[in-house]
Amino acid sequence: MKKNVILTVVILLMAVVTAVQAEVRAGSISVTPFIGGYAFEGNEYDLKTTYTAGLRAGYNFTKNIGVEGFFNYVPTEVKDAVDADVKLYGYGIEGLFHFIPESRFVPFLAIGIGGIHYSTPSDVSEMNKFTVDYGAGLKIFLTDNIALRGDVRHVIPLNDRYNDLLVTFGICFSFGGEKKMVADIRTEEPAAPMEAAALSPVAVPAVPENLAPVSNEKNETKVIPEEDVRNLINKWLASWQSGDMETYRGFYTSDFQSKGMNLNSWISYKTNAREKSNNISIRIEDLKISADVKTAVATAVFTQYYSSSIIKNTLKKTLNFRKINDEWKIYKETIAPLK
């Protein structure tokens, strides 16, 4: 019986396929109403296998680690007995560990402690037992905030050491937490190179000693292909959004300078700010790129709309790039308020 129930759980969960991308969010609250089945060990007061219904409510400290409280109702009866209805009330708290939390399919492990209250006919004493449980589950996200959920638990009422099986299906509703940062980069239609140079020339930063000096002749300029710029900035923003500060650091040169800080000070400053930020939203508009082939330097200027749990601003940002080993890296970053 227990093997058949577990097999059914696996088949049903694998049969559900959707086409969305979602994730378990740090700081989010979840509520999951559920129904399912409850099987008792054969010698546990001769209780019949039956259905159960209940509710889970939890909080995710990080994308991987969360905690949940639960309550479930189990109406059953003693086998081959008359008027021997028994009602069980299960309750407790569990710790959850989510694997691949940024995926649409999120498997997880659970372990917890709690209790069971056995409510019996009035002429029989009622009982309370301490329980431990462990098991696994799977969340299948349908939207950013709604997921199908299946759980399997081995429930162990202590004292007499019985072995029960709890299998449930539910719908998980999530609220709040850190949301994915989506970069909306809008670029102007590129003008002809000569017109762009005439209308909005870009100052070329001082050339380091280890690079070839700038010729007095007119430098050949060209616009970096829009797709290359989009990919570069998207990767830079993605590393900030995910909090991957090691990758974020890799976008800068070793002699980077900004706000009077060198690279080490800058990354320390940005890491501290990122750890304190939730609900990040960023939008970039009016992106303009200019590059100088001979000196292997480039400049990107854009308007940035940024908001998080600790700051909200709109400003003009300039990124100065230098090409090193065929890769563009940022060697200077400056900001200015919009006029």
Protein backbone atom coordinates (compact mmCIF):
# COMPACT_ATOMS: atom_id res chain seq x y z
CA MET A 1 0.00 0.00 0.00
CA LYS A 2 2.70 2.47 1.00
CA LYS A 3 4.77 1.65 -2.11
CA ASN A 4 1.74 2.24 -4.35
CA VAL A 5 1.08 5.63 -2.75
CA ILE A 6 4.70 6.74 -3.21
CA LEU A 7 4.67 5.60 -6.86
CA THR A 8 1.46 7.54 -7.48
CA VAL A 9 3.05 10.68 -6.01
CA VAL A 10 6.07 10.42 -8.29
CA ILE A 11 3.97 9.81 -11.44
CA LEU A 12 1.59 12.70 -10.78
CA LEU A 13 4.39 15.15 -10.06
CA MET A 14 6.32 14.17 -13.18
CA ALA A 15 3.19 14.51 -15.33
CA VAL A 16 2.75 18.20 -14.60
CA VAL A 17 4.63 20.33 -17.13
CA THR A 18 4.44 24.11 -17.43
CA ALA A 19 6.38 26.79 -19.32
CA VAL A 20 7.25 29.42 -16.77
CA GLN A 21 10.37 30.40 -14.87
CA ALA A 22 10.11 31.09 -11.15
CA GLU A 23 12.06 30.59 -7.98
CA VAL A 24 12.00 30.26 -4.20
CA ARG A 25 12.62 33.82 -2.95
CA ALA A 26 14.59 34.75 0.13
CA GLY A 27 12.38 36.58 2.64
CA SER A 28 9.14 35.18 1.21
CA ILE A 29 6.20 33.81 3.19
CA SER A 30 4.31 30.74 1.96
CA VAL A 31 0.88 29.29 2.71
CA THR A 32 -0.04 25.79 1.46
CA PRO A 33 -3.46 24.19 1.97
CA PHE A 34 -3.25 20.46 1.27
CA ILE A 35 -5.09 17.14 1.13
CA GLY A 36 -3.75 13.62 0.98
CA GLY A 37 -3.58 10.23 2.60
CA TYR A 38 -2.42 8.90 5.96
CA ALA A 39 -1.38 5.26 6.48
CA PHE A 40 -0.88 3.73 9.93
CA GLU A 41 1.46 0.89 10.82
CA GLY A 42 -0.50 -2.34 11.13
CA ASN A 43 -0.24 -2.66 14.90
CA GLU A 44 -1.03 0.98 15.71
CA TYR A 45 -4.32 0.43 17.53
CA ASP A 46 -5.69 -1.24 14.34
CA LEU A 47 -6.40 2.17 12.83
CA LYS A 48 -7.55 2.32 9.21
CA THR A 49 -5.69 4.14 6.44
CA THR A 50 -7.63 7.29 5.60
CA TYR A 51 -7.50 10.80 4.16
CA THR A 52 -6.08 13.94 5.70
CA ALA A 53 -6.36 17.69 5.17
CA GLY A 54 -4.40 20.57 6.60
CA LEU A 55 -2.34 23.71 6.19
CA ARG A 56 1.35 24.62 6.06
CA ALA A 57 2.74 28.12 6.60
CA GLY A 58 6.40 29.00 6.29
CA TYR A 59 9.16 31.56 5.88
CA ASN A 60 12.26 31.32 3.66
CA PHE A 61 15.36 32.77 5.32
CA THR A 62 17.31 32.25 2.08
CA LYS A 63 16.50 30.69 -1.28
CA ASN A 64 17.68 27.35 0.08
CA ILE A 65 16.68 27.34 3.74
CA GLY A 66 13.18 27.77 5.15
CA VAL A 67 11.01 26.80 8.10
CA GLU A 68 7.34 25.74 8.18
CA GLY A 69 4.66 25.11 10.72
CA PHE A 70 1.91 22.62 9.90
CA PHE A 71 -1.43 21.30 11.11
CA ASN A 72 -3.43 18.39 9.72
CA TYR A 73 -6.68 16.59 10.56
CA VAL A 74 -6.95 12.78 10.19
CA PRO A 75 -10.39 11.17 10.72
CA THR A 76 -10.16 7.39 11.06
CA GLU A 77 -11.59 4.45 12.98
CA VAL A 78 -10.54 1.17 14.57
CA LYS A 79 -10.79 -1.82 12.24
CA ASP A 80 -13.61 -4.28 12.86
CA ALA A 81 -15.05 -2.20 15.69
CA VAL A 82 -18.42 -0.50 16.15
CA ASP A 83 -18.62 3.20 17.01
CA ALA A 84 -14.85 3.38 17.30
CA ASP A 85 -14.18 6.62 15.49
CA VAL A 86 -10.82 8.22 16.18
CA LYS A 87 -9.78 11.73 15.18
CA LEU A 88 -6.13 12.65 14.96
CA TYR A 89 -4.73 16.17 14.99
CA GLY A 90 -1.13 16.48 13.85
CA TYR A 91 0.99 19.59 14.34
CA GLY A 92 4.63 20.62 14.37
CA ILE A 93 7.45 22.55 12.75
CA GLU A 94 9.88 21.53 10.00
CA GLY A 95 13.08 22.79 8.48
CA LEU A 96 13.27 22.74 4.66
CA PHE A 97 16.26 22.71 2.32
CA HIS A 98 15.52 23.61 -1.32
CA PHE A 99 17.67 22.30 -4.14
CA ILE A 100 18.04 24.42 -7.34
CA PRO A 101 15.77 27.13 -5.85
CA GLU A 102 15.86 29.28 -9.02
CA SER A 103 14.36 26.50 -11.14
CA ARG A 104 10.72 25.92 -12.10
CA PHE A 105 11.01 22.49 -10.46
CA VAL A 106 12.29 22.78 -6.88
CA PRO A 107 12.88 19.53 -4.95
CA PHE A 108 13.44 19.79 -1.22
CA LEU A 109 14.15 17.80 1.94
CA ALA A 110 12.32 18.25 5.24
CA ILE A 111 12.84 17.22 8.86
CA GLY A 112 10.77 18.23 11.85
CA ILE A 113 9.29 17.62 15.26
CA GLY A 114 5.73 17.88 16.53
CA GLY A 115 2.92 15.93 18.09
CA ILE A 116 -0.26 13.94 17.50
CA HIS A 117 -3.42 14.20 19.55
CA TYR A 118 -5.65 11.12 19.43
CA SER A 119 -9.27 12.04 20.14
CA THR A 120 -11.25 8.90 21.01
CA PRO A 121 -14.79 8.13 22.21
CA SER A 122 -15.69 9.64 25.56
CA ASP A 123 -15.28 6.39 27.46
CA VAL A 124 -11.69 5.95 26.30
CA SER A 125 -8.77 8.08 27.42
CA GLU A 126 -7.38 10.53 24.89
CA MET A 127 -3.68 10.46 24.06
CA ASN A 128 -0.91 12.79 23.02
CA LYS A 129 2.32 11.60 21.45
CA PHE A 130 5.54 13.40 20.59
CA THR A 131 6.56 12.86 16.94
CA VAL A 132 9.52 13.28 14.64
CA ASP A 133 9.25 13.24 10.86
CA TYR A 134 11.42 13.43 7.78
CA GLY A 135 10.83 13.27 4.06
CA ALA A 136 10.96 15.11 0.77
CA GLY A 137 8.84 17.07 -1.65
CA LEU A 138 8.65 18.93 -4.92
CA LYS A 139 7.36 22.39 -5.84
CA ILE A 140 6.35 23.03 -9.46
CA PHE A 141 5.90 26.74 -10.10
CA LEU A 142 2.98 27.78 -12.30
CA THR A 143 3.61 31.50 -11.77
CA ASP A 144 6.07 33.55 -9.72
CA ASN A 145 3.78 33.20 -6.68
CA ILE A 146 1.86 29.94 -7.17
CA ALA A 147 3.22 26.40 -7.22
CA LEU A 148 1.86 22.88 -7.14
CA ARG A 149 3.37 20.94 -4.28
CA GLY A 150 3.72 17.30 -3.29
CA ASP A 151 5.09 15.99 0.03
CA VAL A 152 5.96 12.56 1.47
CA ARG A 153 6.74 12.13 5.17
CA HIS A 154 7.72 9.27 7.41
CA VAL A 155 5.97 10.17 10.68
CA ILE A 156 7.23 8.44 13.83
CA PRO A 157 4.99 8.72 16.92
CA LEU A 158 7.30 8.00 19.85
CA ASN A 159 6.65 6.20 23.10
CA ASP A 160 5.50 3.07 21.24
CA ARG A 161 7.60 3.80 18.10
CA TYR A 162 5.05 3.41 15.31
CA ASN A 163 5.77 4.14 11.63
CA ASP A 164 3.21 6.19 9.72
CA LEU A 165 3.22 7.49 6.15
CA LEU A 166 1.84 10.92 5.19
CA VAL A 167 1.39 11.82 1.51
CA THR A 168 -0.09 15.19 0.55
CA PHE A 169 -0.76 17.41 -2.47
CA GLY A 170 -1.37 21.12 -2.21
CA ILE A 171 -1.11 24.56 -3.77
CA CYS A 172 1.65 26.81 -2.42
CA PHE A 173 1.03 30.57 -2.40
CA SER A 174 4.10 32.79 -1.90
CA PHE A 175 4.14 36.42 -0.77
CA GLY A 176 6.94 39.01 -0.71
CA GLY A 177 10.64 38.31 -0.72
CA GLU A 178 13.38 39.31 -3.12
CA LYS A 179 12.22 39.50 -6.69
CA LYS A 180 14.21 38.92 -9.83
CA MET A 181 15.81 42.09 -11.12
CA VAL A 182 14.90 42.63 -14.74
CA ALA A 183 17.02 45.02 -16.70
CA ASP A 184 15.02 46.96 -19.25
CA ILE A 185 17.67 48.40 -21.57
CA ARG A 186 16.41 50.80 -24.19
CA THR A 187 18.76 52.11 -26.83
CA GLU A 188 18.30 54.96 -29.23
CA GLU A 189 18.36 54.32 -32.97
CA PRO A 190 22.05 54.67 -33.89
CA ALA A 191 22.89 57.69 -36.00
CA ALA A 192 25.39 57.62 -38.84
CA PRO A 193 28.94 57.61 -37.41
CA MET A 194 29.87 61.06 -38.77
CA GLU A 195 26.64 62.63 -37.49
CA ALA A 196 27.08 61.03 -34.05
CA ALA A 197 30.60 62.40 -33.82
CA ALA A 198 29.45 65.88 -34.78
CA LEU A 199 26.45 66.07 -32.45
CA SER A 200 27.72 64.31 -29.31
CA PRO A 201 31.48 63.75 -29.23
CA VAL A 202 32.72 61.53 -26.43
CA ALA A 203 35.83 62.50 -24.50
CA VAL A 204 38.48 59.80 -24.53
CA PRO A 205 40.00 59.20 -21.06
CA ALA A 206 43.76 59.45 -20.48
CA VAL A 207 45.65 56.48 -21.88
CA PRO A 208 47.67 54.35 -19.44
CA GLU A 209 51.42 54.13 -19.99
CA ASN A 210 51.27 50.51 -21.07
CA LEU A 211 49.00 51.36 -24.00
CA ALA A 212 49.97 52.96 -27.28
CA PRO A 213 49.88 56.81 -27.15
CA VAL A 214 47.04 58.59 -28.90
CA SER A 215 47.98 59.92 -32.28
CA ASN A 216 47.38 63.56 -33.10
CA GLU A 217 45.60 62.39 -36.20
CA LYS A 218 41.85 62.15 -36.11
CA ASN A 219 40.92 58.88 -34.35
CA GLU A 220 38.71 56.41 -36.13
CA THR A 221 35.55 55.85 -34.07
CA LYS A 222 32.80 53.34 -34.37
CA VAL A 223 29.79 52.29 -32.35
CA ILE A 224 30.05 48.93 -30.56
CA PRO A 225 27.32 46.63 -31.95
CA GLU A 226 24.17 47.04 -29.89
CA GLU A 227 23.88 43.31 -29.18
CA ASP A 228 27.41 43.20 -27.76
CA VAL A 229 26.66 46.12 -25.46
CA ARG A 230 23.38 44.58 -24.36
CA ASN A 231 25.05 41.27 -23.54
CA LEU A 232 27.88 42.96 -21.65
CA ILE A 233 25.60 45.12 -19.51
CA ASN A 234 23.11 42.28 -18.93
CA LYS A 235 25.91 40.07 -17.54
CA TRP A 236 27.13 42.93 -15.35
CA LEU A 237 23.60 43.54 -14.01
CA ALA A 238 22.90 39.81 -13.57
CA SER A 239 25.93 39.38 -11.32
CA TRP A 240 24.70 42.27 -9.16
CA GLN A 241 21.16 40.89 -9.02
CA SER A 242 22.29 37.40 -7.99
CA GLY A 243 24.77 38.74 -5.44
CA ASP A 244 27.63 36.95 -7.21
CA MET A 245 30.22 39.53 -6.25
CA GLU A 246 33.13 37.42 -7.51
CA THR A 247 31.71 37.55 -11.04
CA TYR A 248 30.78 41.20 -10.54
CA ARG A 249 34.40 41.97 -9.64
CA GLY A 250 35.53 40.31 -12.87
CA PHE A 251 33.95 43.08 -14.96
CA TYR A 252 36.46 45.64 -13.61
CA THR A 253 40.15 46.26 -14.29
CA SER A 254 42.72 45.91 -11.51
CA ASP A 255 43.35 49.70 -11.58
CA PHE A 256 39.63 50.60 -11.39
CA GLN A 257 38.75 53.89 -9.67
CA SER A 258 35.42 55.39 -8.60
CA LYS A 259 34.45 57.85 -5.85
CA GLY A 260 38.06 57.86 -4.70
CA MET A 261 38.02 54.07 -4.17
CA ASN A 262 40.26 51.44 -5.74
CA LEU A 263 38.92 48.06 -6.84
CA ASN A 264 39.14 46.35 -3.43
CA SER A 265 37.43 49.24 -1.64
CA TRP A 266 34.79 49.47 -4.37
CA ILE A 267 33.87 45.77 -4.21
CA SER A 268 33.74 45.91 -0.40
CA TYR A 269 31.46 48.94 -0.59
CA LYS A 270 29.18 47.33 -3.21
CA THR A 271 29.07 43.99 -1.36
CA ASN A 272 27.91 45.71 1.82
CA ALA A 273 25.21 47.59 -0.09
CA ARG A 274 24.03 44.44 -1.91
CA GLU A 275 23.70 42.41 1.30
CA LYS A 276 21.38 45.05 2.77
CA SER A 277 19.18 45.35 -0.36
CA ASN A 278 15.90 43.59 -1.12
CA ASN A 279 13.25 44.08 -3.81
CA ILE A 280 15.76 45.40 -6.35
CA SER A 281 14.42 46.99 -9.53
CA ILE A 282 16.57 48.60 -12.21
CA ARG A 283 15.82 50.11 -15.62
CA ILE A 284 18.28 51.56 -18.11
CA GLU A 285 17.37 53.96 -20.90
CA ASP A 286 19.07 56.14 -23.53
CA LEU A 287 22.13 53.92 -23.79
CA LYS A 288 24.89 55.48 -25.95
CA ILE A 289 28.18 53.78 -26.76
CA SER A 290 31.33 55.24 -28.33
CA ALA A 291 34.64 53.43 -28.90
CA ASP A 292 38.12 54.31 -30.11
CA VAL A 293 39.80 51.51 -32.03
CA LYS A 294 43.38 52.77 -31.78
CA THR A 295 43.40 53.24 -28.01
CA ALA A 296 41.04 50.29 -27.26
CA VAL A 297 38.85 52.35 -24.95
CA ALA A 298 35.08 52.88 -24.92
CA THR A 299 32.46 54.89 -23.07
CA ALA A 300 28.86 53.96 -22.22
CA VAL A 301 26.45 56.65 -21.02
CA PHE A 302 22.88 55.92 -19.91
CA THR A 303 20.08 56.96 -17.57
CA GLN A 304 19.57 54.55 -14.68
CA TYR A 305 16.33 54.18 -12.71
CA TYR A 306 17.09 52.20 -9.54
CA SER A 307 15.12 51.28 -6.46
CA SER A 308 15.55 48.81 -3.58
CA SER A 309 14.58 48.45 0.06
CA ILE A 310 17.27 50.97 1.05
CA ILE A 311 17.49 53.47 -1.84
CA LYS A 312 15.61 54.90 -4.80
CA ASN A 313 17.19 57.24 -7.36
CA THR A 314 17.45 58.28 -10.99
CA LEU A 315 20.82 59.36 -12.32
CA LYS A 316 23.10 59.59 -15.31
CA LYS A 317 25.82 56.93 -15.26
CA THR A 318 29.01 56.71 -17.29
CA LEU A 319 31.08 53.54 -17.63
CA ASN A 320 34.57 53.79 -19.12
CA PHE A 321 35.88 50.56 -20.67
CA ARG A 322 39.29 49.31 -21.70
CA LYS A 323 39.76 46.28 -23.95
CA ILE A 324 42.04 43.69 -22.33
CA ASN A 325 42.66 40.32 -23.97
CA ASP A 326 39.71 40.94 -26.33
CA GLU A 327 37.36 41.62 -23.41
CA TRP A 328 35.87 44.95 -22.40
CA LYS A 329 36.39 45.77 -18.71
CA ILE A 330 35.30 48.79 -16.67
CA TYR A 331 38.17 50.97 -15.41
CA LYS A 332 36.09 53.93 -14.26
CA GLU A 333 32.49 54.50 -13.17
CA THR A 334 30.96 57.93 -12.56
CA ILE A 335 27.46 59.15 -11.76
CA ALA A 336 25.74 62.50 -12.00
CA PRO A 337 22.22 63.71 -11.12
CA LEU A 338 19.86 64.34 -13.98
CA LYS A 339 19.62 67.98 -15.04
